[in-house]
Amino acid sequence: MSTTFHHIPVLADAVLSSLGPALNAEQPLLVDCTVGGGGHSSLILEHCPSVRIIGIDQDPAALQACSDRLGERFTPLRGNFAQLHRLLEQANVAPSSVSGFLYDLGVSSHQLDTPERGFSFLSDGPLDMRMDPSAPLSAADVVNTYSEEELARIIHAYGEERHSRRVARVIAACRREKPFTTTKELADLIHRDIAKFYRNESIHPATRTFQALRIEVNGELDAITTSLESALTYLRPGGILAVISFHSLEDRIIKQFFRQHASTCICPPEVWQCRCQHQPLLEILTRKPLIADEAEKQLNPRSRSAKLRVARRTSA
C-alpha cells in the first residue's frame, strides 16, 4: 500500500483568513480535527511560527506521515473526532484554552487515491471504506448483510439517491449468488442498472451509493454534532470554529448547529415575548458559506463542492 500523502488543501486562503484571529492569539493552539494528509496544518504552521497544532485522525498512516513532516509543533492524536472531548482530556488540554478548531470533513485525497482502501469506484479494490482500518464494520459487511430495506434506507438518506430502492433490490438479488468483495463489482452492477437515469448528469451512477456506504461505515453524520459540541467546551472566548463540508447533508448539520448556538432566544414558540435571556455561544461570521473560485476549481476539482462555514466563540 502506498504511504505517500499528497494533499492539496481546499479553500486554503479562506481557511487562513478565517483562522486569522485564532492564529494571532497569545500562545495559539489549533486543533485540526481531520488532519488527513496535513495540507491545512502544514500551511498554518508555515503562516504562524508560534502556533501549536493538535492533529486528530483515525488513520494511523495519515498521522505517521504528518508526524514525519510537520515537526515538533505538531502533536498527533489517533481517534474519531466524535471522541474529541476524551482525546483532548487525555492530551491535558484544558477547557476554554483552544484558539481554533478546523474540520475538513469527508474522505481524504489519499484515501480516495489508494485503491486498497476501497473508497473509490474509479479503480478496483476491496470493498472496505473504513477510515480507521481496525474498525469492525466494512462496506462489504453493509452490502452483504444489511436487509434490502435497510440498504435502501441508507442509500436514500445518506446518498440522496432517488433510485435507492432499485439499487438495493439489485444488490440483494446479486449477492445471493456471490457476495460482493470489490469496488468494481459493485460499481459495475450499479452502472448497468441505473446508468440510463444518469445520462444528463455529470456524476457516475455509483457516486451517491458509495457516499452512503462510506457515511454508514464510519458513522460520519452522527459524529459531527457530537464533536462540535465538544469543541465549544474547549474554545476560548474569541476562538474560531471553521468547518469545511462537501455535501448537503454535512452542510445542513453545520448550518443548523451554528444557528442553534448563535440564537439569542430559546424560548418555546408559544411564548410571545422572550424571557430566557439566553446568551449565545457563537457568533456566525459567514452568513453564506465560502466556496472556491473558478481558478481553484480548475486547479483542484475536489474543491468544487467544498463549503466553509466559520463562527466565533462568544464570552458567554
Protein backbone atom coordinates (compact mmCIF):
# COMPACT_ATOMS: atom_id res chain seq x y z
CA MET A 1 0.00 0.00 0.00
CA SER A 2 1.25 3.47 -0.85
CA THR A 3 2.10 5.63 2.14
CA THR A 4 2.94 8.80 0.21
CA PHE A 5 0.49 11.53 1.16
CA HIS A 6 -0.11 14.20 -1.46
CA HIS A 7 -2.85 16.58 -0.44
CA ILE A 8 -3.97 19.87 -1.98
CA PRO A 9 -5.94 21.61 0.78
CA VAL A 10 -9.22 23.10 -0.38
CA LEU A 11 -10.09 26.75 0.31
CA ALA A 12 -6.59 27.30 1.71
CA ASP A 13 -6.64 31.11 1.55
CA ALA A 14 -10.14 31.27 3.05
CA VAL A 15 -9.11 28.94 5.88
CA LEU A 16 -6.02 31.01 6.73
CA SER A 17 -8.01 34.23 6.63
CA SER A 18 -10.86 32.83 8.73
CA LEU A 19 -8.48 31.45 11.35
CA GLY A 20 -6.57 34.74 11.49
CA PRO A 21 -7.92 35.83 14.91
CA ALA A 22 -7.11 32.40 16.35
CA LEU A 23 -3.58 32.38 14.93
CA ASN A 24 -2.90 35.90 16.24
CA ALA A 25 -3.94 34.98 19.78
CA GLU A 26 -1.44 34.67 22.60
CA GLN A 27 0.19 31.23 22.52
CA PRO A 28 -2.18 29.97 19.82
CA LEU A 29 -3.32 26.35 19.94
CA LEU A 30 -5.22 24.94 16.97
CA VAL A 31 -6.94 21.56 16.76
CA ASP A 32 -7.17 20.08 13.27
CA CYS A 33 -9.90 17.52 13.84
CA THR A 34 -9.46 15.82 10.45
CA VAL A 35 -5.77 16.25 9.76
CA GLY A 36 -5.63 13.70 6.89
CA GLY A 37 -2.66 14.46 4.67
CA GLY A 38 -1.82 17.53 6.73
CA GLY A 39 -2.35 20.04 3.94
CA HIS A 40 -4.11 22.68 6.01
CA SER A 41 -1.94 22.10 9.09
CA SER A 42 1.23 22.47 7.03
CA LEU A 43 0.07 25.84 5.66
CA ILE A 44 -0.95 27.06 9.11
CA LEU A 45 2.40 26.10 10.63
CA GLU A 46 4.20 27.97 7.84
CA HIS A 47 1.94 31.01 8.20
CA CYS A 48 2.16 31.29 12.00
CA PRO A 49 5.54 30.46 13.62
CA SER A 50 4.09 30.48 17.15
CA VAL A 51 1.10 28.17 16.67
CA ARG A 52 0.93 24.66 18.06
CA ILE A 53 -1.34 22.15 16.32
CA ILE A 54 -3.00 19.03 17.59
CA GLY A 55 -3.95 16.81 14.65
CA ILE A 56 -6.66 14.16 15.00
CA ASP A 57 -7.28 11.31 12.59
CA GLN A 58 -8.49 7.73 12.63
CA ASP A 59 -5.96 6.68 10.02
CA PRO A 60 -2.58 5.69 11.54
CA ALA A 61 -0.83 6.06 8.18
CA ALA A 62 -2.04 9.67 7.90
CA LEU A 63 -0.86 10.52 11.41
CA GLN A 64 2.53 8.95 10.82
CA ALA A 65 3.00 10.88 7.57
CA CYS A 66 2.04 14.15 9.29
CA SER A 67 4.30 13.50 12.25
CA ASP A 68 7.24 12.83 9.93
CA ARG A 69 6.96 16.14 8.12
CA LEU A 70 5.20 18.69 10.34
CA GLY A 71 7.80 18.91 13.09
CA GLU A 72 7.77 19.46 16.82
CA ARG A 73 4.90 21.97 16.88
CA PHE A 74 2.55 19.22 15.68
CA THR A 75 1.05 16.65 18.07
CA PRO A 76 -0.80 13.65 16.58
CA LEU A 77 -3.81 12.08 18.30
CA ARG A 78 -5.38 8.95 16.89
CA GLY A 79 -9.13 8.68 17.12
CA ASN A 80 -12.50 9.65 15.70
CA PHE A 81 -13.33 13.34 16.10
CA ALA A 82 -16.55 12.22 17.76
CA GLN A 83 -14.24 11.35 20.68
CA LEU A 84 -12.88 14.92 20.77
CA HIS A 85 -13.58 15.53 24.45
CA ARG A 86 -11.85 12.33 25.56
CA LEU A 87 -8.89 12.85 23.22
CA LEU A 88 -8.25 16.41 24.38
CA GLU A 89 -8.74 15.45 28.00
CA GLN A 90 -6.13 12.70 27.63
CA ALA A 91 -3.79 15.22 25.99
CA ASN A 92 -4.18 17.50 29.05
CA VAL A 93 -5.87 20.27 27.08
CA ALA A 94 -7.89 22.49 29.42
CA PRO A 95 -11.42 23.67 28.59
CA SER A 96 -11.59 27.17 27.07
CA SER A 97 -7.92 27.00 26.03
CA VAL A 98 -8.06 26.26 22.29
CA SER A 99 -7.71 29.19 19.88
CA GLY A 100 -9.31 27.48 16.90
CA PHE A 101 -10.82 24.28 15.57
CA LEU A 102 -10.66 23.22 11.92
CA TYR A 103 -12.74 20.44 10.36
CA ASP A 104 -12.23 19.25 6.77
CA LEU A 105 -14.99 16.66 6.58
CA GLY A 106 -15.29 13.62 4.36
CA VAL A 107 -12.72 11.30 2.88
CA SER A 108 -9.14 12.46 2.30
CA SER A 109 -7.47 12.68 -1.09
CA HIS A 110 -5.00 9.96 -0.11
CA GLN A 111 -7.78 7.58 0.88
CA LEU A 112 -9.61 8.19 -2.39
CA ASP A 113 -6.43 7.68 -4.41
CA THR A 114 -5.41 4.47 -2.63
CA PRO A 115 -7.31 1.53 -4.20
CA GLU A 116 -6.52 -0.74 -1.25
CA ARG A 117 -8.71 1.43 0.99
CA GLY A 118 -11.78 0.78 -1.15
CA PHE A 119 -13.25 4.30 -1.12
CA SER A 120 -13.36 4.92 -4.85
CA PHE A 121 -15.08 3.19 -7.74
CA LEU A 122 -12.57 4.69 -10.21
CA SER A 123 -10.11 1.85 -9.52
CA ASP A 124 -10.67 -1.68 -8.30
CA GLY A 125 -10.02 -2.52 -4.68
CA PRO A 126 -11.51 -4.32 -1.70
CA LEU A 127 -14.94 -3.11 -0.63
CA ASP A 128 -13.68 -1.57 2.61
CA MET A 129 -14.15 2.23 3.14
CA ARG A 130 -13.03 2.22 6.78
CA MET A 131 -11.27 5.43 7.78
CA ASP A 132 -9.98 3.50 10.79
CA PRO A 133 -8.62 0.25 9.33
CA SER A 134 -9.16 -1.50 12.67
CA ALA A 135 -12.89 -0.69 12.85
CA PRO A 136 -15.16 -3.77 12.79
CA LEU A 137 -17.63 -2.69 10.08
CA SER A 138 -16.62 -2.53 6.41
CA ALA A 139 -18.57 -1.61 3.29
CA ALA A 140 -18.61 -5.30 2.32
CA ASP A 141 -20.35 -6.07 5.61
CA VAL A 142 -23.02 -3.46 4.89
CA VAL A 143 -23.58 -4.53 1.28
CA ASN A 144 -23.68 -8.25 2.02
CA THR A 145 -25.51 -8.40 5.36
CA TYR A 146 -27.93 -5.46 5.62
CA SER A 147 -31.50 -6.18 4.63
CA GLU A 148 -32.76 -4.84 1.32
CA GLU A 149 -34.97 -2.37 3.21
CA GLU A 150 -32.08 -1.11 5.34
CA LEU A 151 -29.83 -0.75 2.29
CA ALA A 152 -32.50 1.30 0.55
CA ARG A 153 -32.87 3.49 3.63
CA ILE A 154 -29.18 4.38 3.98
CA ILE A 155 -28.67 4.85 0.22
CA HIS A 156 -31.61 7.25 0.19
CA ALA A 157 -30.81 9.04 3.46
CA TYR A 158 -27.02 9.29 3.18
CA GLY A 159 -26.57 9.28 -0.58
CA GLU A 160 -29.74 11.16 -1.53
CA GLU A 161 -30.08 8.61 -4.32
CA ARG A 162 -33.58 8.83 -5.81
CA HIS A 163 -33.27 5.27 -7.17
CA SER A 164 -32.28 3.83 -3.80
CA ARG A 165 -34.92 1.09 -3.76
CA ARG A 166 -33.90 -0.08 -7.21
CA VAL A 167 -30.20 -0.13 -6.26
CA ALA A 168 -30.92 -2.02 -3.03
CA ARG A 169 -33.08 -4.54 -4.87
CA VAL A 170 -30.44 -5.39 -7.48
CA ILE A 171 -27.72 -5.63 -4.80
CA ALA A 172 -29.84 -8.02 -2.74
CA ALA A 173 -30.58 -10.16 -5.80
CA CYS A 174 -26.95 -10.44 -6.92
CA ARG A 175 -25.41 -11.13 -3.50
CA ARG A 176 -27.48 -14.31 -3.18
CA GLU A 177 -25.29 -15.87 -5.87
CA LYS A 178 -21.98 -14.35 -4.76
CA PRO A 179 -21.12 -11.84 -2.02
CA PHE A 180 -19.60 -8.54 -3.14
CA THR A 181 -15.90 -8.21 -2.39
CA THR A 182 -14.56 -5.41 -4.64
CA THR A 183 -15.46 -1.84 -5.51
CA LYS A 184 -15.52 -2.65 -9.23
CA GLU A 185 -18.11 -5.42 -8.79
CA LEU A 186 -20.47 -3.08 -7.01
CA ALA A 187 -19.86 -0.03 -9.22
CA ASP A 188 -20.31 -2.04 -12.43
CA LEU A 189 -23.58 -3.51 -11.17
CA ILE A 190 -24.98 -0.09 -10.25
CA HIS A 191 -23.83 1.36 -13.56
CA ARG A 192 -25.56 -1.37 -15.53
CA ASP A 193 -28.77 -0.95 -13.61
CA ILE A 194 -29.28 2.82 -13.36
CA ALA A 195 -26.92 4.42 -15.91
CA LYS A 196 -29.88 5.28 -18.14
CA PHE A 197 -31.19 7.61 -15.41
CA TYR A 198 -27.86 9.49 -15.29
CA ARG A 199 -27.48 10.35 -18.97
CA ASN A 200 -27.89 14.06 -18.30
CA GLU A 201 -25.77 14.17 -15.14
CA SER A 202 -22.03 14.60 -14.86
CA ILE A 203 -21.51 12.14 -11.98
CA HIS A 204 -21.03 8.39 -12.10
CA PRO A 205 -24.22 6.46 -11.25
CA ALA A 206 -22.46 4.80 -8.29
CA THR A 207 -21.35 8.08 -6.68
CA ARG A 208 -24.29 8.51 -4.32
CA THR A 209 -24.39 4.86 -3.26
CA PHE A 210 -20.67 4.87 -2.46
CA GLN A 211 -21.12 8.07 -0.45
CA ALA A 212 -23.93 6.47 1.53
CA LEU A 213 -21.89 3.34 2.27
CA ARG A 214 -18.90 5.40 3.43
CA ILE A 215 -21.06 7.51 5.76
CA GLU A 216 -22.70 4.39 7.22
CA VAL A 217 -19.40 2.54 7.73
CA ASN A 218 -17.75 5.48 9.50
CA GLY A 219 -20.77 6.96 11.30
CA GLU A 220 -19.83 10.34 9.87
CA LEU A 221 -23.00 12.38 10.30
CA ASP A 222 -23.65 11.41 13.91
CA ALA A 223 -20.06 12.32 14.77
CA ILE A 224 -20.32 15.92 13.52
CA THR A 225 -22.71 17.35 16.13
CA THR A 226 -21.10 15.37 18.96
CA SER A 227 -17.69 16.75 18.06
CA LEU A 228 -18.85 20.34 17.55
CA GLU A 229 -20.48 20.32 21.00
CA SER A 230 -17.15 19.28 22.50
CA ALA A 231 -15.32 21.94 20.50
CA LEU A 232 -17.48 24.63 22.11
CA THR A 233 -16.31 23.46 25.53
CA TYR A 234 -12.64 23.80 24.59
CA LEU A 235 -12.80 27.03 22.54
CA ARG A 236 -11.58 30.12 24.36
CA PRO A 237 -13.65 33.32 24.05
CA GLY A 238 -12.92 34.81 20.65
CA GLY A 239 -11.78 31.42 19.35
CA ILE A 240 -12.64 30.37 15.81
CA LEU A 241 -14.61 27.33 14.66
CA ALA A 242 -14.12 26.62 10.93
CA VAL A 243 -15.80 23.69 9.17
CA ILE A 244 -15.46 22.56 5.54
CA SER A 245 -18.17 20.27 4.20
CA PHE A 246 -18.58 18.56 0.84
CA HIS A 247 -22.23 17.61 0.53
CA SER A 248 -25.61 18.95 1.58
CA LEU A 249 -26.10 16.53 4.49
CA GLU A 250 -22.95 17.74 6.24
CA ASP A 251 -23.57 21.38 5.43
CA ARG A 252 -27.12 21.23 6.78
CA ILE A 253 -25.91 19.85 10.12
CA ILE A 254 -23.26 22.56 10.46
CA LYS A 255 -25.65 25.34 9.44
CA GLN A 256 -28.24 24.22 11.99
CA PHE A 257 -25.61 23.84 14.73
CA PHE A 258 -24.29 27.36 14.13
CA ARG A 259 -27.79 28.83 14.11
CA GLN A 260 -28.80 27.00 17.28
CA HIS A 261 -25.81 28.26 19.25
CA ALA A 262 -25.93 31.77 17.80
CA SER A 263 -29.57 32.24 18.78
CA THR A 264 -30.35 34.97 21.30
CA CYS A 265 -33.62 33.32 22.34
CA ILE A 266 -34.51 29.71 23.10
CA CYS A 267 -37.99 30.31 24.45
CA PRO A 268 -40.66 27.87 23.20
CA PRO A 269 -42.77 29.12 20.25
CA GLU A 270 -45.85 29.69 22.39
CA VAL A 271 -44.04 32.35 24.45
CA TRP A 272 -44.76 35.63 22.66
CA GLN A 273 -42.12 37.67 24.50
CA CYS A 274 -38.59 36.45 25.20
CA ARG A 275 -37.99 35.62 28.85
CA CYS A 276 -34.99 33.31 28.63
CA GLN A 277 -32.23 35.94 28.49
CA HIS A 278 -30.21 33.32 26.64
CA GLN A 279 -26.60 34.20 25.87
CA PRO A 280 -25.44 32.80 22.51
CA LEU A 281 -22.26 30.76 22.47
CA LEU A 282 -21.39 31.53 18.85
CA GLU A 283 -21.31 34.48 16.51
CA ILE A 284 -21.67 33.41 12.89
CA LEU A 285 -19.02 35.02 10.67
CA THR A 286 -20.18 33.55 7.34
CA ARG A 287 -23.85 34.18 6.62
CA LYS A 288 -23.28 32.28 3.38
CA PRO A 289 -20.61 29.57 3.11
CA LEU A 290 -17.31 30.44 1.44
CA ILE A 291 -16.70 28.49 -1.77
CA ALA A 292 -13.82 28.04 -4.20
CA ASP A 293 -13.30 30.45 -7.07
CA GLU A 294 -13.00 29.26 -10.64
CA ALA A 295 -9.20 29.23 -10.55
CA GLU A 296 -9.15 26.85 -7.59
CA LYS A 297 -11.83 24.65 -9.12
CA GLN A 298 -9.69 24.24 -12.22
CA LEU A 299 -6.58 23.50 -10.16
CA ASN A 300 -8.28 21.18 -7.67
CA PRO A 301 -11.56 19.60 -8.90
CA ARG A 302 -12.33 18.32 -5.40
CA SER A 303 -12.84 21.90 -4.27
CA ARG A 304 -15.94 22.29 -6.44
CA SER A 305 -18.31 21.06 -3.75
CA ALA A 306 -16.44 22.47 -0.74
CA LYS A 307 -18.22 24.91 1.59
CA LEU A 308 -16.58 26.68 4.52
CA ARG A 309 -18.64 27.99 7.44
CA VAL A 310 -16.99 29.96 10.24
CA ALA A 311 -18.12 31.10 13.69
CA ARG A 312 -16.52 32.81 16.67
CA ARG A 313 -16.90 31.77 20.31
CA THR A 314 -18.55 34.43 22.42
CA SER A 315 -17.67 35.22 26.03
CA ALA A 316 -20.95 33.74 27.29
